[in-house]
């Protein structure tokens, strides 16, 4: 794994996060639901798992973006209505990651879990982001599907319970 420092946008913001990760020559872009506690100083369990999934799948860098950039450790606490300015800015950051030569995205991991069902705007954001991924020529992948057909979230609980631990995680095509 690259020894570069953690990059977080924005810095020192407990309200929102658009992207976190580490640059590399071959990068995994993970698409989660919403940011939790990881920041430029410390990764949380999910971002640590994404870093490991990247490494185990031939990537020396990784980025974590989300369907919606509002920070909360409980997705049920996301707002009932979308903040359109925040969502537009999030889409702009994702577009830049996918289409800017400064980044070396080689794989895209969809990993938002079933809480996408909680708010219609999350489903709309997923459609927009999947469209951006497809337009950029990348393929959407996942680590498995929930009973509802959503891509597994890479939390330690999910990875250990359904996939037999982080070393057993393999990327699969996600349509």
N, C-alpha and C. Protein backbone atom coordinates (compact mmCIF):
# COMPACT_ATOMS: atom_id res chain seq x y z
N UNK A 1 0.84 -1.18 0.00
CA UNK A 1 0.00 0.00 0.00
C UNK A 1 0.88 1.24 0.00
N UNK A 2 0.42 2.23 -0.67
CA UNK A 2 1.16 3.49 -0.73
C UNK A 2 1.33 4.06 0.67
N UNK A 3 2.49 4.64 0.95
CA UNK A 3 2.73 5.24 2.25
C UNK A 3 2.31 6.70 2.29
N UNK A 4 1.66 7.16 1.24
CA UNK A 4 1.24 8.56 1.21
C UNK A 4 0.24 8.84 2.33
N UNK A 5 0.13 10.10 2.66
CA UNK A 5 -0.76 10.47 3.75
C UNK A 5 -2.23 10.41 3.30
N UNK A 6 -3.10 10.38 4.28
CA UNK A 6 -4.53 10.37 4.02
C UNK A 6 -4.93 11.74 3.49
N UNK A 7 -5.66 11.74 2.39
CA UNK A 7 -6.19 12.97 1.80
C UNK A 7 -7.68 13.00 2.09
N UNK A 8 -8.16 14.13 2.57
CA UNK A 8 -9.57 14.27 2.93
C UNK A 8 -10.07 15.62 2.43
N UNK A 9 -11.25 15.61 1.82
CA UNK A 9 -11.86 16.84 1.32
C UNK A 9 -13.31 16.89 1.79
N UNK A 10 -13.65 17.93 2.58
CA UNK A 10 -12.81 18.99 3.11
C UNK A 10 -12.06 18.54 4.36
N UNK A 11 -11.06 19.32 4.73
CA UNK A 11 -10.31 19.06 5.96
C UNK A 11 -11.08 19.59 7.17
N UNK A 12 -10.90 18.94 8.29
CA UNK A 12 -11.45 19.41 9.57
C UNK A 12 -12.93 19.75 9.50
N UNK A 13 -13.73 18.91 8.87
CA UNK A 13 -15.17 19.17 8.74
C UNK A 13 -15.94 17.99 9.30
N UNK A 14 -16.62 18.19 10.42
CA UNK A 14 -17.37 17.10 11.05
C UNK A 14 -18.78 16.99 10.48
N UNK A 15 -19.15 17.87 9.55
CA UNK A 15 -20.49 17.88 8.98
C UNK A 15 -20.59 17.16 7.63
N UNK A 16 -19.52 17.22 6.83
CA UNK A 16 -19.56 16.61 5.50
C UNK A 16 -18.18 16.13 5.10
N UNK A 17 -18.17 15.19 4.13
CA UNK A 17 -16.92 14.73 3.53
C UNK A 17 -17.25 14.27 2.11
N UNK A 18 -16.48 14.77 1.15
CA UNK A 18 -16.69 14.40 -0.24
C UNK A 18 -15.81 13.22 -0.66
N UNK A 19 -14.57 13.19 -0.16
CA UNK A 19 -13.66 12.11 -0.53
C UNK A 19 -12.58 11.96 0.54
N UNK A 20 -12.15 10.72 0.70
CA UNK A 20 -11.01 10.41 1.57
C UNK A 20 -10.24 9.29 0.88
N UNK A 21 -8.95 9.26 1.08
CA UNK A 21 -8.17 8.17 0.51
C UNK A 21 -6.70 8.46 0.44
N UNK A 22 -6.02 7.61 -0.33
CA UNK A 22 -4.58 7.73 -0.53
C UNK A 22 -4.29 7.55 -2.00
N UNK A 23 -3.47 8.44 -2.54
CA UNK A 23 -3.11 8.37 -3.96
C UNK A 23 -2.22 7.17 -4.23
N UNK A 24 -2.29 6.68 -5.45
CA UNK A 24 -1.45 5.57 -5.87
C UNK A 24 -1.31 5.58 -7.38
N UNK A 25 -0.61 4.61 -7.90
CA UNK A 25 -0.47 4.47 -9.35
C UNK A 25 -1.63 3.70 -9.95
N UNK A 26 -2.29 2.89 -9.12
CA UNK A 26 -3.46 2.11 -9.52
C UNK A 26 -4.43 2.20 -8.35
N UNK A 27 -5.56 2.89 -8.55
CA UNK A 27 -6.43 3.24 -7.42
C UNK A 27 -7.81 2.57 -7.53
N UNK A 28 -8.33 2.18 -6.37
CA UNK A 28 -9.70 1.68 -6.22
C UNK A 28 -10.57 2.85 -5.80
N UNK A 29 -11.69 3.04 -6.48
CA UNK A 29 -12.67 4.04 -6.07
C UNK A 29 -13.85 3.30 -5.45
N UNK A 30 -14.09 3.50 -4.17
CA UNK A 30 -15.20 2.86 -3.46
C UNK A 30 -16.33 3.86 -3.30
N UNK A 31 -17.56 3.40 -3.56
CA UNK A 31 -18.74 4.26 -3.45
C UNK A 31 -19.60 3.75 -2.31
N UNK A 32 -19.54 4.46 -1.17
CA UNK A 32 -20.34 4.10 0.00
C UNK A 32 -21.64 4.89 0.04
N UNK A 33 -22.32 4.83 1.15
CA UNK A 33 -23.60 5.51 1.31
C UNK A 33 -23.40 6.94 1.81
N UNK A 34 -22.75 7.06 2.97
CA UNK A 34 -22.49 8.37 3.57
C UNK A 34 -21.24 8.26 4.45
N UNK A 35 -20.52 9.37 4.61
CA UNK A 35 -19.30 9.32 5.43
C UNK A 35 -19.61 9.19 6.92
N UNK A 36 -18.74 8.50 7.61
CA UNK A 36 -18.88 8.35 9.05
C UNK A 36 -17.78 9.14 9.74
N UNK A 37 -16.86 8.47 10.40
CA UNK A 37 -15.91 9.18 11.26
C UNK A 37 -14.50 9.33 10.69
N UNK A 38 -14.18 8.62 9.62
CA UNK A 38 -12.81 8.70 9.08
C UNK A 38 -12.49 10.13 8.65
N UNK A 39 -11.25 10.54 8.92
CA UNK A 39 -10.82 11.88 8.51
C UNK A 39 -9.34 11.85 8.14
N UNK A 40 -8.75 13.01 7.95
CA UNK A 40 -7.36 13.09 7.51
C UNK A 40 -6.36 12.57 8.55
N UNK A 41 -6.81 12.35 9.77
CA UNK A 41 -5.93 11.88 10.84
C UNK A 41 -6.08 10.40 11.15
N UNK A 42 -7.31 9.88 10.95
CA UNK A 42 -7.58 8.51 11.41
C UNK A 42 -8.67 7.86 10.55
N UNK A 43 -8.40 6.63 10.13
CA UNK A 43 -9.39 5.87 9.38
C UNK A 43 -10.34 5.17 10.35
N UNK A 44 -11.57 4.94 9.91
CA UNK A 44 -12.52 4.16 10.69
C UNK A 44 -12.48 2.71 10.18
N UNK A 45 -13.21 1.78 10.82
CA UNK A 45 -13.14 0.38 10.40
C UNK A 45 -13.52 0.15 8.93
N UNK A 46 -14.51 0.86 8.42
CA UNK A 46 -14.91 0.68 7.03
C UNK A 46 -13.82 1.15 6.08
N UNK A 47 -13.26 2.32 6.31
CA UNK A 47 -12.21 2.82 5.42
C UNK A 47 -10.95 1.95 5.51
N UNK A 48 -10.67 1.38 6.68
CA UNK A 48 -9.55 0.44 6.80
C UNK A 48 -9.81 -0.80 5.94
N UNK A 49 -11.06 -1.28 5.93
CA UNK A 49 -11.39 -2.44 5.09
C UNK A 49 -11.26 -2.10 3.62
N UNK A 50 -11.66 -0.90 3.23
CA UNK A 50 -11.54 -0.49 1.82
C UNK A 50 -10.07 -0.43 1.43
N UNK A 51 -9.24 0.08 2.32
CA UNK A 51 -7.80 0.12 2.06
C UNK A 51 -7.26 -1.31 1.84
N UNK A 52 -7.71 -2.25 2.66
CA UNK A 52 -7.26 -3.64 2.53
C UNK A 52 -7.82 -4.28 1.26
N UNK A 53 -9.07 -4.02 0.93
CA UNK A 53 -9.67 -4.55 -0.30
C UNK A 53 -8.89 -4.03 -1.51
N UNK A 54 -8.54 -2.75 -1.48
CA UNK A 54 -7.75 -2.18 -2.58
C UNK A 54 -6.43 -2.94 -2.72
N UNK A 55 -5.71 -3.07 -1.63
CA UNK A 55 -4.41 -3.74 -1.65
C UNK A 55 -4.54 -5.18 -2.15
N UNK A 56 -5.55 -5.90 -1.66
CA UNK A 56 -5.74 -7.31 -2.03
C UNK A 56 -6.21 -7.48 -3.47
N UNK A 57 -6.59 -6.39 -4.11
CA UNK A 57 -7.05 -6.44 -5.49
C UNK A 57 -6.13 -5.65 -6.43
N UNK A 58 -4.86 -5.57 -6.05
CA UNK A 58 -3.84 -5.03 -6.93
C UNK A 58 -3.78 -3.51 -7.02
N UNK A 59 -4.37 -2.81 -6.07
CA UNK A 59 -4.35 -1.34 -6.09
C UNK A 59 -3.45 -0.82 -4.97
N UNK A 60 -2.64 0.18 -5.29
CA UNK A 60 -1.76 0.78 -4.28
C UNK A 60 -2.30 2.10 -3.77
N UNK A 61 -3.49 2.47 -4.20
CA UNK A 61 -4.17 3.67 -3.73
C UNK A 61 -5.67 3.41 -3.68
N UNK A 62 -6.38 4.25 -2.99
CA UNK A 62 -7.83 4.07 -2.87
C UNK A 62 -8.50 5.40 -2.54
N UNK A 63 -9.74 5.52 -2.95
CA UNK A 63 -10.56 6.69 -2.65
C UNK A 63 -11.93 6.20 -2.20
N UNK A 64 -12.49 6.84 -1.21
CA UNK A 64 -13.84 6.54 -0.75
C UNK A 64 -14.69 7.78 -0.95
N UNK A 65 -15.73 7.62 -1.77
CA UNK A 65 -16.72 8.67 -1.97
C UNK A 65 -18.05 8.10 -1.49
N UNK A 66 -19.08 8.92 -1.51
CA UNK A 66 -20.37 8.46 -1.01
C UNK A 66 -21.52 8.98 -1.85
N UNK A 67 -22.65 8.29 -1.77
CA UNK A 67 -23.84 8.73 -2.47
C UNK A 67 -24.26 10.11 -1.99
N UNK A 68 -24.07 10.35 -0.70
CA UNK A 68 -24.42 11.63 -0.10
C UNK A 68 -23.34 12.00 0.91
N UNK A 69 -22.84 13.24 0.91
CA UNK A 69 -21.66 13.59 1.71
C UNK A 69 -21.91 13.99 3.16
N UNK A 70 -23.14 13.91 3.65
CA UNK A 70 -23.44 14.28 5.03
C UNK A 70 -22.87 13.23 5.99
N UNK A 71 -22.08 13.68 6.95
CA UNK A 71 -21.48 12.77 7.92
C UNK A 71 -22.49 12.35 8.98
N UNK A 72 -22.58 11.05 9.21
CA UNK A 72 -23.30 10.50 10.35
C UNK A 72 -22.90 9.04 10.48
N UNK A 73 -22.77 8.56 11.70
CA UNK A 73 -22.42 7.16 11.88
C UNK A 73 -23.66 6.27 11.77
N UNK A 74 -24.84 6.90 11.70
CA UNK A 74 -26.09 6.14 11.55
C UNK A 74 -26.85 6.66 10.34
N UNK A 75 -26.91 5.88 9.26
CA UNK A 75 -27.58 6.33 8.04
C UNK A 75 -29.03 6.77 8.25
N UNK A 76 -29.69 6.21 9.27
CA UNK A 76 -31.08 6.61 9.52
C UNK A 76 -31.16 8.08 9.95
N UNK A 77 -30.03 8.66 10.36
CA UNK A 77 -30.00 10.07 10.76
C UNK A 77 -29.75 11.03 9.59
N UNK A 78 -29.66 10.50 8.38
CA UNK A 78 -29.53 11.38 7.22
C UNK A 78 -30.80 12.21 7.08
N UNK A 79 -30.70 13.40 6.49
CA UNK A 79 -31.88 14.25 6.37
C UNK A 79 -32.97 13.61 5.51
N UNK A 80 -34.21 13.96 5.80
CA UNK A 80 -35.35 13.44 5.03
C UNK A 80 -35.33 13.98 3.60
N UNK A 81 -34.88 15.24 3.46
CA UNK A 81 -34.83 15.87 2.15
C UNK A 81 -33.38 16.15 1.77
N UNK A 82 -33.11 16.03 0.49
CA UNK A 82 -31.77 16.25 -0.02
C UNK A 82 -31.42 17.75 -0.02
N UNK A 83 -30.19 18.06 0.31
CA UNK A 83 -29.65 19.40 0.13
C UNK A 83 -29.05 19.39 -1.28
N UNK A 84 -29.73 20.01 -2.23
CA UNK A 84 -29.34 19.90 -3.64
C UNK A 84 -27.95 20.50 -3.91
N UNK A 85 -27.61 21.59 -3.23
CA UNK A 85 -26.27 22.17 -3.43
C UNK A 85 -25.17 21.22 -2.98
N UNK A 86 -25.38 20.58 -1.84
CA UNK A 86 -24.41 19.62 -1.32
C UNK A 86 -24.30 18.42 -2.26
N UNK A 87 -25.43 17.94 -2.75
CA UNK A 87 -25.44 16.79 -3.67
C UNK A 87 -24.75 17.14 -4.99
N UNK A 88 -24.98 18.33 -5.51
CA UNK A 88 -24.34 18.76 -6.77
C UNK A 88 -22.82 18.85 -6.60
N UNK A 89 -22.38 19.39 -5.47
CA UNK A 89 -20.95 19.50 -5.22
C UNK A 89 -20.33 18.09 -5.12
N UNK A 90 -21.05 17.17 -4.49
CA UNK A 90 -20.59 15.79 -4.37
C UNK A 90 -20.40 15.16 -5.75
N UNK A 91 -21.38 15.34 -6.63
CA UNK A 91 -21.31 14.80 -7.99
C UNK A 91 -20.12 15.42 -8.73
N UNK A 92 -19.87 16.70 -8.53
CA UNK A 92 -18.73 17.37 -9.17
C UNK A 92 -17.40 16.78 -8.74
N UNK A 93 -17.27 16.48 -7.45
CA UNK A 93 -16.04 15.87 -6.93
C UNK A 93 -15.85 14.48 -7.55
N UNK A 94 -16.92 13.72 -7.63
CA UNK A 94 -16.86 12.36 -8.19
C UNK A 94 -16.50 12.42 -9.68
N UNK A 95 -17.10 13.34 -10.41
CA UNK A 95 -16.79 13.51 -11.84
C UNK A 95 -15.29 13.79 -12.02
N UNK A 96 -14.74 14.65 -11.16
CA UNK A 96 -13.32 14.99 -11.24
C UNK A 96 -12.45 13.76 -10.97
N UNK A 97 -12.81 12.97 -9.97
CA UNK A 97 -12.05 11.76 -9.66
C UNK A 97 -12.02 10.80 -10.85
N UNK A 98 -13.15 10.67 -11.53
CA UNK A 98 -13.26 9.71 -12.62
C UNK A 98 -12.65 10.21 -13.93
N UNK A 99 -12.59 11.52 -14.11
CA UNK A 99 -12.20 12.06 -15.42
C UNK A 99 -10.95 12.92 -15.42
N UNK A 100 -10.25 12.99 -14.32
CA UNK A 100 -9.07 13.84 -14.23
C UNK A 100 -7.82 12.96 -14.28
N UNK A 101 -6.87 13.33 -15.11
CA UNK A 101 -5.64 12.54 -15.24
C UNK A 101 -4.79 12.54 -13.98
N UNK A 102 -5.13 13.37 -13.00
CA UNK A 102 -4.38 13.38 -11.74
C UNK A 102 -4.67 12.13 -10.92
N UNK A 103 -5.76 11.44 -11.25
CA UNK A 103 -6.14 10.23 -10.52
C UNK A 103 -5.93 9.03 -11.44
N UNK A 104 -5.70 7.88 -10.83
CA UNK A 104 -5.44 6.65 -11.58
C UNK A 104 -6.44 5.57 -11.19
N UNK A 105 -7.72 5.88 -11.34
CA UNK A 105 -8.77 4.94 -10.98
C UNK A 105 -8.71 3.74 -11.92
N UNK A 106 -8.55 2.55 -11.36
CA UNK A 106 -8.52 1.35 -12.19
C UNK A 106 -9.69 0.41 -11.88
N UNK A 107 -10.27 0.54 -10.68
CA UNK A 107 -11.40 -0.30 -10.29
C UNK A 107 -12.40 0.55 -9.52
N UNK A 108 -13.68 0.19 -9.65
CA UNK A 108 -14.74 0.91 -8.93
C UNK A 108 -15.55 -0.11 -8.14
N UNK A 109 -15.64 0.12 -6.84
CA UNK A 109 -16.34 -0.76 -5.91
C UNK A 109 -17.61 -0.08 -5.41
N UNK A 110 -18.76 -0.60 -5.77
CA UNK A 110 -20.04 -0.13 -5.24
C UNK A 110 -20.26 -0.84 -3.91
N UNK A 111 -20.55 -0.08 -2.84
CA UNK A 111 -20.61 -0.71 -1.51
C UNK A 111 -21.49 0.07 -0.54
N UNK A 112 -22.71 0.40 -0.96
CA UNK A 112 -23.55 1.25 -0.11
C UNK A 112 -24.53 0.51 0.77
N UNK A 113 -24.77 -0.76 0.58
CA UNK A 113 -25.65 -1.51 1.48
C UNK A 113 -27.13 -1.18 1.34
N UNK A 114 -27.92 -1.72 2.26
CA UNK A 114 -29.39 -1.61 2.17
C UNK A 114 -29.97 -0.29 2.64
N UNK A 115 -29.20 0.54 3.34
CA UNK A 115 -29.77 1.81 3.80
C UNK A 115 -30.09 2.75 2.64
N UNK A 116 -29.70 2.40 1.43
CA UNK A 116 -30.08 3.18 0.26
C UNK A 116 -31.61 3.19 0.12
N UNK A 117 -32.26 2.19 0.69
CA UNK A 117 -33.72 2.08 0.63
C UNK A 117 -34.41 3.10 1.55
N UNK A 118 -33.67 3.73 2.45
CA UNK A 118 -34.26 4.64 3.44
C UNK A 118 -34.74 5.96 2.84
N UNK A 119 -34.09 6.44 1.78
CA UNK A 119 -34.42 7.74 1.19
C UNK A 119 -34.35 7.64 -0.33
N UNK A 120 -35.37 8.12 -1.02
CA UNK A 120 -35.38 8.06 -2.48
C UNK A 120 -34.21 8.82 -3.09
N UNK A 121 -33.79 9.92 -2.45
CA UNK A 121 -32.68 10.68 -3.03
C UNK A 121 -31.39 9.88 -3.08
N UNK A 122 -31.22 8.92 -2.18
CA UNK A 122 -30.02 8.08 -2.22
C UNK A 122 -30.03 7.21 -3.47
N UNK A 123 -31.20 6.67 -3.82
CA UNK A 123 -31.32 5.87 -5.05
C UNK A 123 -31.04 6.74 -6.27
N UNK A 124 -31.54 7.96 -6.27
CA UNK A 124 -31.29 8.88 -7.39
C UNK A 124 -29.80 9.20 -7.51
N UNK A 125 -29.16 9.43 -6.38
CA UNK A 125 -27.72 9.72 -6.40
C UNK A 125 -26.94 8.50 -6.92
N UNK A 126 -27.35 7.30 -6.52
CA UNK A 126 -26.67 6.09 -7.00
C UNK A 126 -26.78 6.00 -8.51
N UNK A 127 -27.95 6.27 -9.06
CA UNK A 127 -28.13 6.22 -10.52
C UNK A 127 -27.22 7.22 -11.22
N UNK A 128 -27.12 8.44 -10.69
CA UNK A 128 -26.25 9.47 -11.28
C UNK A 128 -24.79 9.04 -11.23
N UNK A 129 -24.36 8.50 -10.10
CA UNK A 129 -22.96 8.12 -9.94
C UNK A 129 -22.63 6.90 -10.81
N UNK A 130 -23.51 5.92 -10.87
CA UNK A 130 -23.29 4.76 -11.74
C UNK A 130 -23.19 5.21 -13.19
N UNK A 131 -24.00 6.17 -13.57
CA UNK A 131 -23.93 6.71 -14.93
C UNK A 131 -22.57 7.36 -15.19
N UNK A 132 -22.07 8.14 -14.22
CA UNK A 132 -20.74 8.74 -14.36
C UNK A 132 -19.66 7.68 -14.50
N UNK A 133 -19.77 6.62 -13.71
CA UNK A 133 -18.78 5.54 -13.78
C UNK A 133 -18.82 4.91 -15.17
N UNK A 134 -20.02 4.61 -15.66
CA UNK A 134 -20.15 4.00 -16.98
C UNK A 134 -19.61 4.92 -18.08
N UNK A 135 -19.92 6.21 -18.00
CA UNK A 135 -19.44 7.18 -18.99
C UNK A 135 -17.91 7.27 -19.00
N UNK A 136 -17.30 7.04 -17.85
CA UNK A 136 -15.83 7.13 -17.76
C UNK A 136 -15.15 5.86 -18.26
N UNK A 137 -15.94 4.85 -18.59
CA UNK A 137 -15.37 3.61 -19.12
C UNK A 137 -15.01 2.57 -18.07
N UNK A 138 -15.30 2.85 -16.82
CA UNK A 138 -15.01 1.89 -15.76
C UNK A 138 -16.18 0.93 -15.58
N UNK A 139 -15.91 -0.21 -14.97
CA UNK A 139 -16.94 -1.19 -14.66
C UNK A 139 -17.24 -1.12 -13.17
N UNK A 140 -18.53 -1.22 -12.85
CA UNK A 140 -18.94 -1.26 -11.45
C UNK A 140 -18.74 -2.67 -10.92
N UNK A 141 -18.15 -2.75 -9.73
CA UNK A 141 -17.96 -4.04 -9.07
C UNK A 141 -18.50 -3.97 -7.66
N UNK A 142 -18.62 -5.12 -7.00
CA UNK A 142 -19.08 -5.18 -5.61
C UNK A 142 -18.40 -6.37 -4.95
N UNK A 143 -18.62 -6.52 -3.66
CA UNK A 143 -18.06 -7.67 -2.94
C UNK A 143 -19.13 -8.71 -2.65
N UNK A 144 -20.34 -8.47 -3.11
CA UNK A 144 -21.48 -9.37 -2.90
C UNK A 144 -22.75 -8.55 -2.83
N UNK A 145 -23.88 -9.25 -2.88
CA UNK A 145 -25.17 -8.57 -2.86
C UNK A 145 -26.00 -8.96 -1.65
N UNK A 146 -26.74 -7.99 -1.14
CA UNK A 146 -27.68 -8.24 -0.04
C UNK A 146 -28.91 -8.96 -0.59
N UNK A 147 -29.78 -9.40 0.28
CA UNK A 147 -31.04 -10.04 -0.15
C UNK A 147 -31.87 -9.09 -1.00
N UNK A 148 -31.71 -7.78 -0.79
CA UNK A 148 -32.47 -6.79 -1.56
C UNK A 148 -31.78 -6.45 -2.89
N UNK A 149 -30.61 -7.04 -3.13
CA UNK A 149 -29.91 -6.80 -4.38
C UNK A 149 -28.98 -5.60 -4.37
N UNK A 150 -28.73 -5.04 -3.20
CA UNK A 150 -27.80 -3.91 -3.07
C UNK A 150 -26.39 -4.44 -2.81
N UNK A 151 -25.37 -3.67 -3.23
CA UNK A 151 -24.00 -4.13 -2.98
C UNK A 151 -23.67 -4.06 -1.49
N UNK A 152 -23.04 -5.13 -1.00
CA UNK A 152 -22.64 -5.18 0.41
C UNK A 152 -21.84 -3.95 0.80
N UNK A 153 -22.07 -3.49 2.02
CA UNK A 153 -21.25 -2.46 2.66
C UNK A 153 -20.04 -3.18 3.26
N UNK A 154 -18.83 -2.62 3.14
CA UNK A 154 -17.64 -3.34 3.62
C UNK A 154 -17.32 -3.13 5.10
N UNK A 155 -18.34 -3.08 5.95
CA UNK A 155 -18.09 -2.96 7.39
C UNK A 155 -17.50 -4.26 7.91
N UNK A 156 -16.76 -4.20 9.00
CA UNK A 156 -16.21 -5.43 9.56
C UNK A 156 -17.29 -6.49 9.84
N UNK A 157 -18.45 -6.08 10.33
CA UNK A 157 -19.53 -7.02 10.62
C UNK A 157 -19.96 -7.77 9.35
N UNK A 158 -20.20 -7.05 8.27
CA UNK A 158 -20.62 -7.67 7.00
C UNK A 158 -19.52 -8.56 6.44
N UNK A 159 -18.30 -8.03 6.40
CA UNK A 159 -17.17 -8.76 5.82
C UNK A 159 -16.94 -10.07 6.58
N UNK A 160 -17.01 -10.03 7.90
CA UNK A 160 -16.77 -11.23 8.69
C UNK A 160 -17.95 -12.19 8.66
N UNK A 161 -19.17 -11.67 8.74
CA UNK A 161 -20.36 -12.53 8.82
C UNK A 161 -20.70 -13.19 7.49
N UNK A 162 -20.64 -12.42 6.39
CA UNK A 162 -21.11 -12.93 5.11
C UNK A 162 -19.99 -13.38 4.17
N UNK A 163 -18.79 -12.88 4.38
CA UNK A 163 -17.71 -13.17 3.44
C UNK A 163 -16.55 -13.95 4.04
N UNK A 164 -16.62 -14.27 5.33
CA UNK A 164 -15.59 -15.08 5.95
C UNK A 164 -14.29 -14.35 6.25
N UNK A 165 -14.35 -13.04 6.36
CA UNK A 165 -13.16 -12.26 6.70
C UNK A 165 -12.60 -11.51 5.50
N UNK A 166 -11.81 -10.49 5.80
CA UNK A 166 -11.31 -9.57 4.77
C UNK A 166 -10.44 -10.27 3.73
N UNK A 167 -9.72 -11.33 4.11
CA UNK A 167 -8.85 -11.99 3.13
C UNK A 167 -9.64 -12.76 2.08
N UNK A 168 -10.91 -13.03 2.35
CA UNK A 168 -11.75 -13.76 1.40
C UNK A 168 -12.55 -12.85 0.47
N UNK A 169 -12.41 -11.55 0.60
CA UNK A 169 -13.19 -10.62 -0.20
C UNK A 169 -12.67 -10.59 -1.64
N UNK A 170 -13.57 -10.82 -2.59
CA UNK A 170 -13.23 -10.75 -4.01
C UNK A 170 -14.18 -9.79 -4.70
N UNK A 171 -13.67 -9.06 -5.66
CA UNK A 171 -14.52 -8.14 -6.42
C UNK A 171 -15.26 -8.92 -7.51
N UNK A 172 -16.56 -8.60 -7.64
CA UNK A 172 -17.41 -9.23 -8.64
C UNK A 172 -18.09 -8.13 -9.43
N UNK A 173 -18.54 -8.45 -10.63
CA UNK A 173 -19.25 -7.46 -11.43
C UNK A 173 -20.57 -7.09 -10.78
N UNK A 174 -20.91 -5.81 -10.87
CA UNK A 174 -22.18 -5.31 -10.35
C UNK A 174 -22.83 -4.50 -11.46
N UNK A 175 -24.05 -4.85 -11.81
CA UNK A 175 -24.76 -4.15 -12.90
C UNK A 175 -25.61 -3.05 -12.31
